[in-house]
């Protein structure tokens, strides 16, 4: 997938749809990008400034995906 390739090579080229903040302190924000046709990919930067993909879903799974992110 093109988005994953761009995240790996140059994350600045990927248009961020929105930032999703978790309720946990000292945690970097999770960012949401459009993935494939109607998908959503959630990722965050690690302490080593690497991309960590947390989950991939759709509008139908968004609530479940956000709950998952909140609990990790």
Protein backbone atom coordinates (compact mmCIF):
# COMPACT_ATOMS: atom_id res chain seq x y z
CA UNK A 1 0.00 0.00 0.00
CA UNK A 2 1.25 3.44 -0.94
CA UNK A 3 0.45 5.02 2.45
CA UNK A 4 2.54 2.49 4.36
CA UNK A 5 5.42 3.01 1.94
CA UNK A 6 5.22 6.79 2.41
CA UNK A 7 5.05 6.44 6.20
CA UNK A 8 8.16 4.30 6.09
CA UNK A 9 10.16 6.58 3.77
CA UNK A 10 8.92 10.11 4.51
CA UNK A 11 5.99 10.56 6.93
CA UNK A 12 5.81 14.27 6.07
CA UNK A 13 4.31 13.30 2.69
CA UNK A 14 1.30 11.61 4.30
CA UNK A 15 -1.73 13.88 4.81
CA UNK A 16 -2.99 13.51 8.39
CA UNK A 17 -6.77 13.44 8.72
CA UNK A 18 -6.79 14.10 12.47
CA UNK A 19 -4.99 13.50 15.74
CA UNK A 20 -6.56 11.13 18.24
CA UNK A 21 -5.42 11.69 21.80
CA UNK A 22 -5.46 8.92 24.35
CA UNK A 23 -6.32 9.67 27.95
CA UNK A 24 -2.95 8.39 29.14
CA UNK A 25 -0.34 10.91 30.23
CA UNK A 26 3.07 11.10 28.60
CA UNK A 27 1.82 9.39 25.48
CA UNK A 28 2.35 10.71 22.01
CA UNK A 29 -0.82 11.42 20.03
CA UNK A 30 -2.16 8.83 17.63
CA UNK A 31 -2.69 10.08 14.11
CA UNK A 32 -5.35 8.97 11.67
CA UNK A 33 -4.86 8.85 7.90
CA UNK A 34 -7.05 7.70 5.04
CA UNK A 35 -6.07 4.19 4.00
CA UNK A 36 -7.11 2.42 0.79
CA UNK A 37 -10.60 3.25 -0.49
CA UNK A 38 -12.54 3.99 2.71
CA UNK A 39 -10.14 2.71 5.33
CA UNK A 40 -8.43 4.40 8.24
CA UNK A 41 -4.96 3.73 9.53
CA UNK A 42 -3.94 4.78 13.05
CA UNK A 43 -0.29 5.22 13.94
CA UNK A 44 2.02 7.00 16.33
CA UNK A 45 5.68 7.89 16.43
CA UNK A 46 7.84 5.86 18.80
CA UNK A 47 10.49 7.32 21.09
CA UNK A 48 13.02 6.42 18.40
CA UNK A 49 11.01 8.50 15.85
CA UNK A 50 9.81 5.42 14.01
CA UNK A 51 6.27 4.80 12.80
CA UNK A 52 4.22 2.30 14.81
CA UNK A 53 0.99 1.22 13.12
CA UNK A 54 -1.60 0.55 15.80
CA UNK A 55 -4.63 -0.58 13.81
CA UNK A 56 -6.31 -0.41 10.42
CA UNK A 57 -10.07 -0.21 10.09
CA UNK A 58 -13.04 1.48 8.42
CA UNK A 59 -15.79 3.87 9.42
CA UNK A 60 -17.80 0.84 10.55
CA UNK A 61 -15.04 -0.28 12.95
CA UNK A 62 -13.95 3.20 14.08
CA UNK A 63 -15.44 3.01 17.58
CA UNK A 64 -13.91 -0.40 18.20
CA UNK A 65 -10.57 0.80 16.81
CA UNK A 66 -10.53 3.86 19.07
CA UNK A 67 -11.38 1.72 22.11
CA UNK A 68 -8.51 -0.60 21.22
CA UNK A 69 -6.10 2.34 20.93
CA UNK A 70 -7.28 3.69 24.29
CA UNK A 71 -6.47 0.37 25.96
CA UNK A 72 -2.96 -0.20 24.63
